[in-house]
Amino acid sequence: MPEPGVNEAVLASARKLCYAERDKYFACLADNDKENNACKEVRKEFEKTCPAIWVIHFEKRREEKIRLKRILEERSRKQNI
């Protein structure tokens, strides 16, 4: 529940903007194959738009998904041998 005096519409709008910037940044990383220099400006917008704790959370989640995907691909390869 938001704090008294905080407009829920403003919070929802800020959250949507944060998600959009997160998606742009992660798409940039995917398109540039870990070449972080290509995504510097996009990352700055992501960090500026989202609360710092969210940035940390989103990055950890992304890393976990990547790690899980690698594990599942490795298992699949081993089963197909």
PDB file of N, CA and C in Angstrom:
ATOM      1  N   MET A   1       0.845  -1.178   0.000  1.00  0.00           N
ATOM      2  CA  MET A   1       0.000   0.000   0.000  1.00  0.00           C
ATOM      3  C   MET A   1       0.894   1.246   0.000  1.00  0.00           C
ATOM      4  N   PRO A   2       0.618   2.172  -0.892  1.00  0.00           N
ATOM      5  CA  PRO A   2       1.472   3.361  -0.970  1.00  0.00           C
ATOM      6  C   PRO A   2       1.351   4.236   0.262  1.00  0.00           C
ATOM      7  N   GLU A   3       2.374   5.035   0.453  1.00  0.00           N
ATOM      8  CA  GLU A   3       2.376   5.971   1.570  1.00  0.00           C
ATOM      9  C   GLU A   3       1.287   7.012   1.362  1.00  0.00           C
ATOM     10  N   PRO A   4       0.775   7.594   2.454  1.00  0.00           N
ATOM     11  CA  PRO A   4      -0.224   8.638   2.317  1.00  0.00           C
ATOM     12  C   PRO A   4       0.310   9.800   1.477  1.00  0.00           C
ATOM     13  N   GLY A   5      -0.523  10.295   0.582  1.00  0.00           N
ATOM     14  CA  GLY A   5      -0.141  11.415  -0.253  1.00  0.00           C
ATOM     15  C   GLY A   5       0.562  11.021  -1.537  1.00  0.00           C
ATOM     16  N   VAL A   6       0.822   9.725  -1.719  1.00  0.00           N
ATOM     17  CA  VAL A   6       1.476   9.266  -2.939  1.00  0.00           C
ATOM     18  C   VAL A   6       0.402   8.869  -3.943  1.00  0.00           C
ATOM     19  N   ASN A   7       0.458   9.423  -5.110  1.00  0.00           N
ATOM     20  CA  ASN A   7      -0.519   9.163  -6.152  1.00  0.00           C
ATOM     21  C   ASN A   7      -0.213   7.815  -6.806  1.00  0.00           C
ATOM     22  N   GLU A   8      -1.155   6.893  -6.729  1.00  0.00           N
ATOM     23  CA  GLU A   8      -0.943   5.555  -7.291  1.00  0.00           C
ATOM     24  C   GLU A   8      -0.749   5.591  -8.804  1.00  0.00           C
ATOM     25  N   ALA A   9      -1.396   6.525  -9.482  1.00  0.00           N
ATOM     26  CA  ALA A   9      -1.235   6.647 -10.931  1.00  0.00           C
ATOM     27  C   ALA A   9       0.199   7.038 -11.276  1.00  0.00           C
ATOM     28  N   VAL A  10       0.790   7.895 -10.451  1.00  0.00           N
ATOM     29  CA  VAL A  10       2.179   8.303 -10.662  1.00  0.00           C
ATOM     30  C   VAL A  10       3.100   7.109 -10.453  1.00  0.00           C
ATOM     31  N   LEU A  11       2.834   6.323  -9.423  1.00  0.00           N
ATOM     32  CA  LEU A  11       3.648   5.132  -9.167  1.00  0.00           C
ATOM     33  C   LEU A  11       3.539   4.134 -10.311  1.00  0.00           C
ATOM     34  N   ALA A  12       2.332   3.914 -10.798  1.00  0.00           N
ATOM     35  CA  ALA A  12       2.126   2.975 -11.903  1.00  0.00           C
ATOM     36  C   ALA A  12       2.838   3.459 -13.157  1.00  0.00           C
ATOM     37  N   SER A  13       2.771   4.742 -13.417  1.00  0.00           N
ATOM     38  CA  SER A  13       3.440   5.314 -14.587  1.00  0.00           C
ATOM     39  C   SER A  13       4.958   5.166 -14.471  1.00  0.00           C
ATOM     40  N   ALA A  14       5.505   5.425 -13.305  1.00  0.00           N
ATOM     41  CA  ALA A  14       6.946   5.298 -13.081  1.00  0.00           C
ATOM     42  C   ALA A  14       7.387   3.845 -13.224  1.00  0.00           C
ATOM     43  N   ARG A  15       6.560   2.939 -12.748  1.00  0.00           N
ATOM     44  CA  ARG A  15       6.869   1.514 -12.845  1.00  0.00           C
ATOM     45  C   ARG A  15       6.895   1.079 -14.316  1.00  0.00           C
ATOM     46  N   LYS A  16       5.904   1.521 -15.098  1.00  0.00           N
ATOM     47  CA  LYS A  16       5.868   1.178 -16.524  1.00  0.00           C
ATOM     48  C   LYS A  16       7.101   1.710 -17.246  1.00  0.00           C
ATOM     49  N   LEU A  17       7.487   2.931 -16.926  1.00  0.00           N
ATOM     50  CA  LEU A  17       8.662   3.533 -17.546  1.00  0.00           C
ATOM     51  C   LEU A  17       9.922   2.747 -17.179  1.00  0.00           C
ATOM     52  N   CYS A  18      10.020   2.358 -15.928  1.00  0.00           N
ATOM     53  CA  CYS A  18      11.152   1.555 -15.471  1.00  0.00           C
ATOM     54  C   CYS A  18      11.217   0.237 -16.237  1.00  0.00           C
ATOM     55  N   TYR A  19      10.085  -0.448 -16.348  1.00  0.00           N
ATOM     56  CA  TYR A  19      10.054  -1.716 -17.070  1.00  0.00           C
ATOM     57  C   TYR A  19      10.464  -1.529 -18.528  1.00  0.00           C
ATOM     58  N   ALA A  20      10.016  -0.450 -19.143  1.00  0.00           N
ATOM     59  CA  ALA A  20      10.365  -0.184 -20.542  1.00  0.00           C
ATOM     60  C   ALA A  20      11.872   0.032 -20.697  1.00  0.00           C
ATOM     61  N   GLU A  21      12.466   0.785 -19.772  1.00  0.00           N
ATOM     62  CA  GLU A  21      13.915   1.028 -19.834  1.00  0.00           C
ATOM     63  C   GLU A  21      14.700  -0.247 -19.558  1.00  0.00           C
ATOM     64  N   ARG A  22      14.202  -1.058 -18.636  1.00  0.00           N
ATOM     65  CA  ARG A  22      14.839  -2.356 -18.362  1.00  0.00           C
ATOM     66  C   ARG A  22      14.821  -3.206 -19.616  1.00  0.00           C
ATOM     67  N   ASP A  23      13.678  -3.274 -20.276  1.00  0.00           N
ATOM     68  CA  ASP A  23      13.555  -4.092 -21.481  1.00  0.00           C
ATOM     69  C   ASP A  23      14.468  -3.590 -22.596  1.00  0.00           C
ATOM     70  N   LYS A  24      14.582  -2.271 -22.743  1.00  0.00           N
ATOM     71  CA  LYS A  24      15.484  -1.701 -23.754  1.00  0.00           C
ATOM     72  C   LYS A  24      16.932  -2.094 -23.457  1.00  0.00           C
ATOM     73  N   TYR A  25      17.318  -1.989 -22.193  1.00  0.00           N
ATOM     74  CA  TYR A  25      18.695  -2.313 -21.816  1.00  0.00           C
ATOM     75  C   TYR A  25      18.995  -3.793 -22.040  1.00  0.00           C
ATOM     76  N   PHE A  26      18.114  -4.664 -21.604  1.00  0.00           N
ATOM     77  CA  PHE A  26      18.349  -6.094 -21.770  1.00  0.00           C
ATOM     78  C   PHE A  26      18.333  -6.491 -23.243  1.00  0.00           C
ATOM     79  N   ALA A  27      17.491  -5.848 -24.043  1.00  0.00           N
ATOM     80  CA  ALA A  27      17.486  -6.108 -25.489  1.00  0.00           C
ATOM     81  C   ALA A  27      18.811  -5.659 -26.105  1.00  0.00           C
ATOM     82  N   CYS A  28      19.327  -4.525 -25.647  1.00  0.00           N
ATOM     83  CA  CYS A  28      20.613  -4.034 -26.136  1.00  0.00           C
ATOM     84  C   CYS A  28      21.717  -5.037 -25.807  1.00  0.00           C
ATOM     85  N   LEU A  29      21.719  -5.544 -24.596  1.00  0.00           N
ATOM     86  CA  LEU A  29      22.730  -6.533 -24.206  1.00  0.00           C
ATOM     87  C   LEU A  29      22.622  -7.783 -25.071  1.00  0.00           C
ATOM     88  N   ALA A  30      21.405  -8.225 -25.326  1.00  0.00           N
ATOM     89  CA  ALA A  30      21.203  -9.425 -26.140  1.00  0.00           C
ATOM     90  C   ALA A  30      21.653  -9.186 -27.579  1.00  0.00           C
ATOM     91  N   ASP A  31      21.355  -8.024 -28.103  1.00  0.00           N
ATOM     92  CA  ASP A  31      21.709  -7.702 -29.488  1.00  0.00           C
ATOM     93  C   ASP A  31      23.200  -7.472 -29.675  1.00  0.00           C
ATOM     94  N   ASN A  32      23.876  -7.061 -28.620  1.00  0.00           N
ATOM     95  CA  ASN A  32      25.289  -6.718 -28.734  1.00  0.00           C
ATOM     96  C   ASN A  32      26.199  -7.755 -28.105  1.00  0.00           C
ATOM     97  N   ASP A  33      25.650  -8.902 -27.773  1.00  0.00           N
ATOM     98  CA  ASP A  33      26.436 -10.047 -27.316  1.00  0.00           C
ATOM     99  C   ASP A  33      27.480  -9.668 -26.264  1.00  0.00           C
ATOM    100  N   LYS A  34      27.013  -9.114 -25.170  1.00  0.00           N
ATOM    101  CA  LYS A  34      27.823  -8.753 -24.003  1.00  0.00           C
ATOM    102  C   LYS A  34      28.792  -7.592 -24.239  1.00  0.00           C
ATOM    103  N   GLU A  35      28.630  -6.885 -25.320  1.00  0.00           N
ATOM    104  CA  GLU A  35      29.481  -5.730 -25.560  1.00  0.00           C
ATOM    105  C   GLU A  35      28.860  -4.539 -24.835  1.00  0.00           C
ATOM    106  N   ASN A  36      29.227  -4.382 -23.563  1.00  0.00           N
ATOM    107  CA  ASN A  36      28.592  -3.391 -22.697  1.00  0.00           C
ATOM    108  C   ASN A  36      28.780  -1.952 -23.155  1.00  0.00           C
ATOM    109  N   ASN A  37      29.861  -1.655 -23.862  1.00  0.00           N
ATOM    110  CA  ASN A  37      30.081  -0.286 -24.316  1.00  0.00           C
ATOM    111  C   ASN A  37      28.979   0.175 -25.251  1.00  0.00           C
ATOM    112  N   ALA A  38      28.436  -0.734 -26.031  1.00  0.00           N
ATOM    113  CA  ALA A  38      27.364  -0.388 -26.956  1.00  0.00           C
ATOM    114  C   ALA A  38      26.085  -0.004 -26.213  1.00  0.00           C
ATOM    115  N   CYS A  39      25.978  -0.397 -24.958  1.00  0.00           N
ATOM    116  CA  CYS A  39      24.746  -0.191 -24.200  1.00  0.00           C
ATOM    117  C   CYS A  39      24.899   0.812 -23.055  1.00  0.00           C
ATOM    118  N   LYS A  40      25.992   1.538 -23.026  1.00  0.00           N
ATOM    119  CA  LYS A  40      26.241   2.457 -21.907  1.00  0.00           C
ATOM    120  C   LYS A  40      25.120   3.469 -21.699  1.00  0.00           C
ATOM    121  N   GLU A  41      24.701   4.110 -22.782  1.00  0.00           N
ATOM    122  CA  GLU A  41      23.672   5.147 -22.669  1.00  0.00           C
ATOM    123  C   GLU A  41      22.329   4.555 -22.258  1.00  0.00           C
ATOM    124  N   VAL A  42      22.030   3.384 -22.796  1.00  0.00           N
ATOM    125  CA  VAL A  42      20.774   2.722 -22.458  1.00  0.00           C
ATOM    126  C   VAL A  42      20.783   2.330 -20.986  1.00  0.00           C
ATOM    127  N   ARG A  43      21.942   1.878 -20.502  1.00  0.00           N
ATOM    128  CA  ARG A  43      22.052   1.521 -19.091  1.00  0.00           C
ATOM    129  C   ARG A  43      21.876   2.739 -18.196  1.00  0.00           C
ATOM    130  N   LYS A  44      22.445   3.872 -18.597  1.00  0.00           N
ATOM    131  CA  LYS A  44      22.286   5.091 -17.805  1.00  0.00           C
ATOM    132  C   LYS A  44      20.814   5.447 -17.638  1.00  0.00           C
ATOM    133  N   GLU A  45      20.046   5.309 -18.706  1.00  0.00           N
ATOM    134  CA  GLU A  45      18.604   5.593 -18.640  1.00  0.00           C
ATOM    135  C   GLU A  45      17.908   4.597 -17.724  1.00  0.00           C
ATOM    136  N   PHE A  46      18.294   3.341 -17.826  1.00  0.00           N
ATOM    137  CA  PHE A  46      17.740   2.285 -16.962  1.00  0.00           C
ATOM    138  C   PHE A  46      18.004   2.629 -15.504  1.00  0.00           C
ATOM    139  N   GLU A  47      19.237   2.986 -15.176  1.00  0.00           N
ATOM    140  CA  GLU A  47      19.598   3.323 -13.798  1.00  0.00           C
ATOM    141  C   GLU A  47      18.918   4.600 -13.325  1.00  0.00           C
ATOM    142  N   LYS A  48      18.738   5.544 -14.239  1.00  0.00           N
ATOM    143  CA  LYS A  48      18.115   6.816 -13.873  1.00  0.00           C
ATOM    144  C   LYS A  48      16.610   6.644 -13.627  1.00  0.00           C
ATOM    145  N   THR A  49      15.996   5.752 -14.375  1.00  0.00           N
ATOM    146  CA  THR A  49      14.549   5.589 -14.341  1.00  0.00           C
ATOM    147  C   THR A  49      14.077   4.664 -13.222  1.00  0.00           C
ATOM    148  N   CYS A  50      14.885   3.669 -12.891  1.00  0.00           N
ATOM    149  CA  CYS A  50      14.482   2.659 -11.909  1.00  0.00           C
ATOM    150  C   CYS A  50      15.187   2.865 -10.575  1.00  0.00           C
ATOM    151  N   PRO A  51      14.514   2.522  -9.479  1.00  0.00           N
ATOM    152  CA  PRO A  51      15.186   2.542  -8.181  1.00  0.00           C
ATOM    153  C   PRO A  51      16.390   1.591  -8.200  1.00  0.00           C
ATOM    154  N   ALA A  52      17.453   1.963  -7.518  1.00  0.00           N
ATOM    155  CA  ALA A  52      18.693   1.184  -7.530  1.00  0.00           C
ATOM    156  C   ALA A  52      18.463  -0.272  -7.115  1.00  0.00           C
ATOM    157  N   ILE A  53      17.631  -0.496  -6.138  1.00  0.00           N
ATOM    158  CA  ILE A  53      17.384  -1.865  -5.672  1.00  0.00           C
ATOM    159  C   ILE A  53      16.685  -2.685  -6.753  1.00  0.00           C
ATOM    160  N   TRP A  54      15.859  -2.039  -7.571  1.00  0.00           N
ATOM    161  CA  TRP A  54      15.208  -2.733  -8.679  1.00  0.00           C
ATOM    162  C   TRP A  54      16.226  -3.118  -9.734  1.00  0.00           C
ATOM    163  N   VAL A  55      17.159  -2.216 -10.027  1.00  0.00           N
ATOM    164  CA  VAL A  55      18.203  -2.498 -11.016  1.00  0.00           C
ATOM    165  C   VAL A  55      18.963  -3.751 -10.594  1.00  0.00           C
ATOM    166  N   ILE A  56      19.347  -3.800  -9.339  1.00  0.00           N
ATOM    167  CA  ILE A  56      20.065  -4.967  -8.808  1.00  0.00           C
ATOM    168  C   ILE A  56      19.208  -6.225  -8.957  1.00  0.00           C
ATOM    169  N   HIS A  57      17.948  -6.119  -8.569  1.00  0.00           N
ATOM    170  CA  HIS A  57      17.029  -7.263  -8.650  1.00  0.00           C
ATOM    171  C   HIS A  57      16.866  -7.749 -10.087  1.00  0.00           C
ATOM    172  N   PHE A  58      16.616  -6.829 -11.014  1.00  0.00           N
ATOM    173  CA  PHE A  58      16.422  -7.208 -12.417  1.00  0.00           C
ATOM    174  C   PHE A  58      17.668  -7.862 -12.993  1.00  0.00           C
ATOM    175  N   GLU A  59      18.834  -7.336 -12.657  1.00  0.00           N
ATOM    176  CA  GLU A  59      20.079  -7.916 -13.169  1.00  0.00           C
ATOM    177  C   GLU A  59      20.312  -9.316 -12.607  1.00  0.00           C
ATOM    178  N   LYS A  60      20.047  -9.499 -11.321  1.00  0.00           N
ATOM    179  CA  LYS A  60      20.201 -10.833 -10.732  1.00  0.00           C
ATOM    180  C   LYS A  60      19.243 -11.821 -11.384  1.00  0.00           C
ATOM    181  N   ARG A  61      18.002 -11.383 -11.600  1.00  0.00           N
ATOM    182  CA  ARG A  61      17.018 -12.253 -12.254  1.00  0.00           C
ATOM    183  C   ARG A  61      17.463 -12.630 -13.660  1.00  0.00           C
ATOM    184  N   ARG A  62      17.976 -11.666 -14.405  1.00  0.00           N
ATOM    185  CA  ARG A  62      18.448 -11.924 -15.763  1.00  0.00           C
ATOM    186  C   ARG A  62      19.606 -12.918 -15.750  1.00  0.00           C
ATOM    187  N   GLU A  63      20.549 -12.718 -14.840  1.00  0.00           N
ATOM    188  CA  GLU A  63      21.688 -13.629 -14.736  1.00  0.00           C
ATOM    189  C   GLU A  63      21.242 -15.043 -14.384  1.00  0.00           C
ATOM    190  N   GLU A  64      20.271 -15.158 -13.486  1.00  0.00           N
ATOM    191  CA  GLU A  64      19.763 -16.478 -13.113  1.00  0.00           C
ATOM    192  C   GLU A  64      19.087 -17.162 -14.291  1.00  0.00           C
ATOM    193  N   LYS A  65      18.313 -16.402 -15.073  1.00  0.00           N
ATOM    194  CA  LYS A  65      17.658 -16.983 -16.246  1.00  0.00           C
ATOM    195  C   LYS A  65      18.688 -17.468 -17.259  1.00  0.00           C
ATOM    196  N   ILE A  66      19.728 -16.685 -17.464  1.00  0.00           N
ATOM    197  CA  ILE A  66      20.788 -17.074 -18.395  1.00  0.00           C
ATOM    198  C   ILE A  66      21.484 -18.334 -17.898  1.00  0.00           C
ATOM    199  N   ARG A  67      21.783 -18.371 -16.601  1.00  0.00           N
ATOM    200  CA  ARG A  67      22.446 -19.540 -16.019  1.00  0.00           C
ATOM    201  C   ARG A  67      21.574 -20.783 -16.140  1.00  0.00           C
ATOM    202  N   LEU A  68      20.286 -20.641 -15.848  1.00  0.00           N
ATOM    203  CA  LEU A  68      19.363 -21.766 -15.944  1.00  0.00           C
ATOM    204  C   LEU A  68      19.252 -22.254 -17.387  1.00  0.00           C
ATOM    205  N   LYS A  69      19.199 -21.340 -18.326  1.00  0.00           N
ATOM    206  CA  LYS A  69      19.124 -21.715 -19.740  1.00  0.00           C
ATOM    207  C   LYS A  69      20.346 -22.530 -20.145  1.00  0.00           C
ATOM    208  N   ARG A  70      21.534 -22.096 -19.689  1.00  0.00           N
ATOM    209  CA  ARG A  70      22.769 -22.844 -20.009  1.00  0.00           C
ATOM    210  C   ARG A  70      22.744 -24.241 -19.415  1.00  0.00           C
ATOM    211  N   ILE A  71      22.285 -24.348 -18.181  1.00  0.00           N
ATOM    212  CA  ILE A  71      22.206 -25.658 -17.524  1.00  0.00           C
ATOM    213  C   ILE A  71      21.272 -26.574 -18.290  1.00  0.00           C
ATOM    214  N   LEU A  72      20.101 -26.053 -18.659  1.00  0.00           N
ATOM    215  CA  LEU A  72      19.132 -26.878 -19.380  1.00  0.00           C
ATOM    216  C   LEU A  72      19.643 -27.271 -20.766  1.00  0.00           C
ATOM    217  N   GLU A  73      20.336 -26.368 -21.437  1.00  0.00           N
ATOM    218  CA  GLU A  73      20.914 -26.696 -22.745  1.00  0.00           C
ATOM    219  C   GLU A  73      21.982 -27.769 -22.615  1.00  0.00           C
ATOM    220  N   GLU A  74      22.800 -27.665 -21.580  1.00  0.00           N
ATOM    221  CA  GLU A  74      23.854 -28.656 -21.342  1.00  0.00           C
ATOM    222  C   GLU A  74      23.242 -30.031 -21.062  1.00  0.00           C
ATOM    223  N   ARG A  75      22.207 -30.060 -20.244  1.00  0.00           N
ATOM    224  CA  ARG A  75      21.539 -31.341 -19.954  1.00  0.00           C
ATOM    225  C   ARG A  75      20.931 -31.949 -21.216  1.00  0.00           C
ATOM    226  N   SER A  76      20.334 -31.088 -22.014  1.00  0.00           N
ATOM    227  CA  SER A  76      19.734 -31.540 -23.263  1.00  0.00           C
ATOM    228  C   SER A  76      20.779 -32.125 -24.199  1.00  0.00           C
ATOM    229  N   ARG A  77      21.927 -31.472 -24.296  1.00  0.00           N
ATOM    230  CA  ARG A  77      23.010 -31.991 -25.139  1.00  0.00           C
ATOM    231  C   ARG A  77      23.486 -33.343 -24.630  1.00  0.00           C
ATOM    232  N   LYS A  78      23.626 -33.470 -23.324  1.00  0.00           N
ATOM    233  CA  LYS A  78      24.106 -34.740 -22.742  1.00  0.00           C
ATOM    234  C   LYS A  78      23.108 -35.853 -22.988  1.00  0.00           C
ATOM    235  N   GLN A  79      21.827 -35.550 -22.962  1.00  0.00           N
ATOM    236  CA  GLN A  79      20.812 -36.576 -23.195  1.00  0.00           C
ATOM    237  C   GLN A  79      20.759 -37.006 -24.646  1.00  0.00           C
ATOM    238  N   ASN A  80      21.144 -36.112 -25.535  1.00  0.00           N
ATOM    239  CA  ASN A  80      21.102 -36.414 -26.975  1.00  0.00           C
ATOM    240  C   ASN A  80      22.355 -37.099 -27.469  1.00  0.00           C
ATOM    241  N   ILE A  81      23.348 -37.283 -26.609  1.00  0.00           N
ATOM    242  CA  ILE A  81      24.606 -37.921 -27.021  1.00  0.00           C
ATOM    243  C   ILE A  81      24.436 -39.409 -27.094  1.00  0.00           C
TER     244      ILE A  81
END
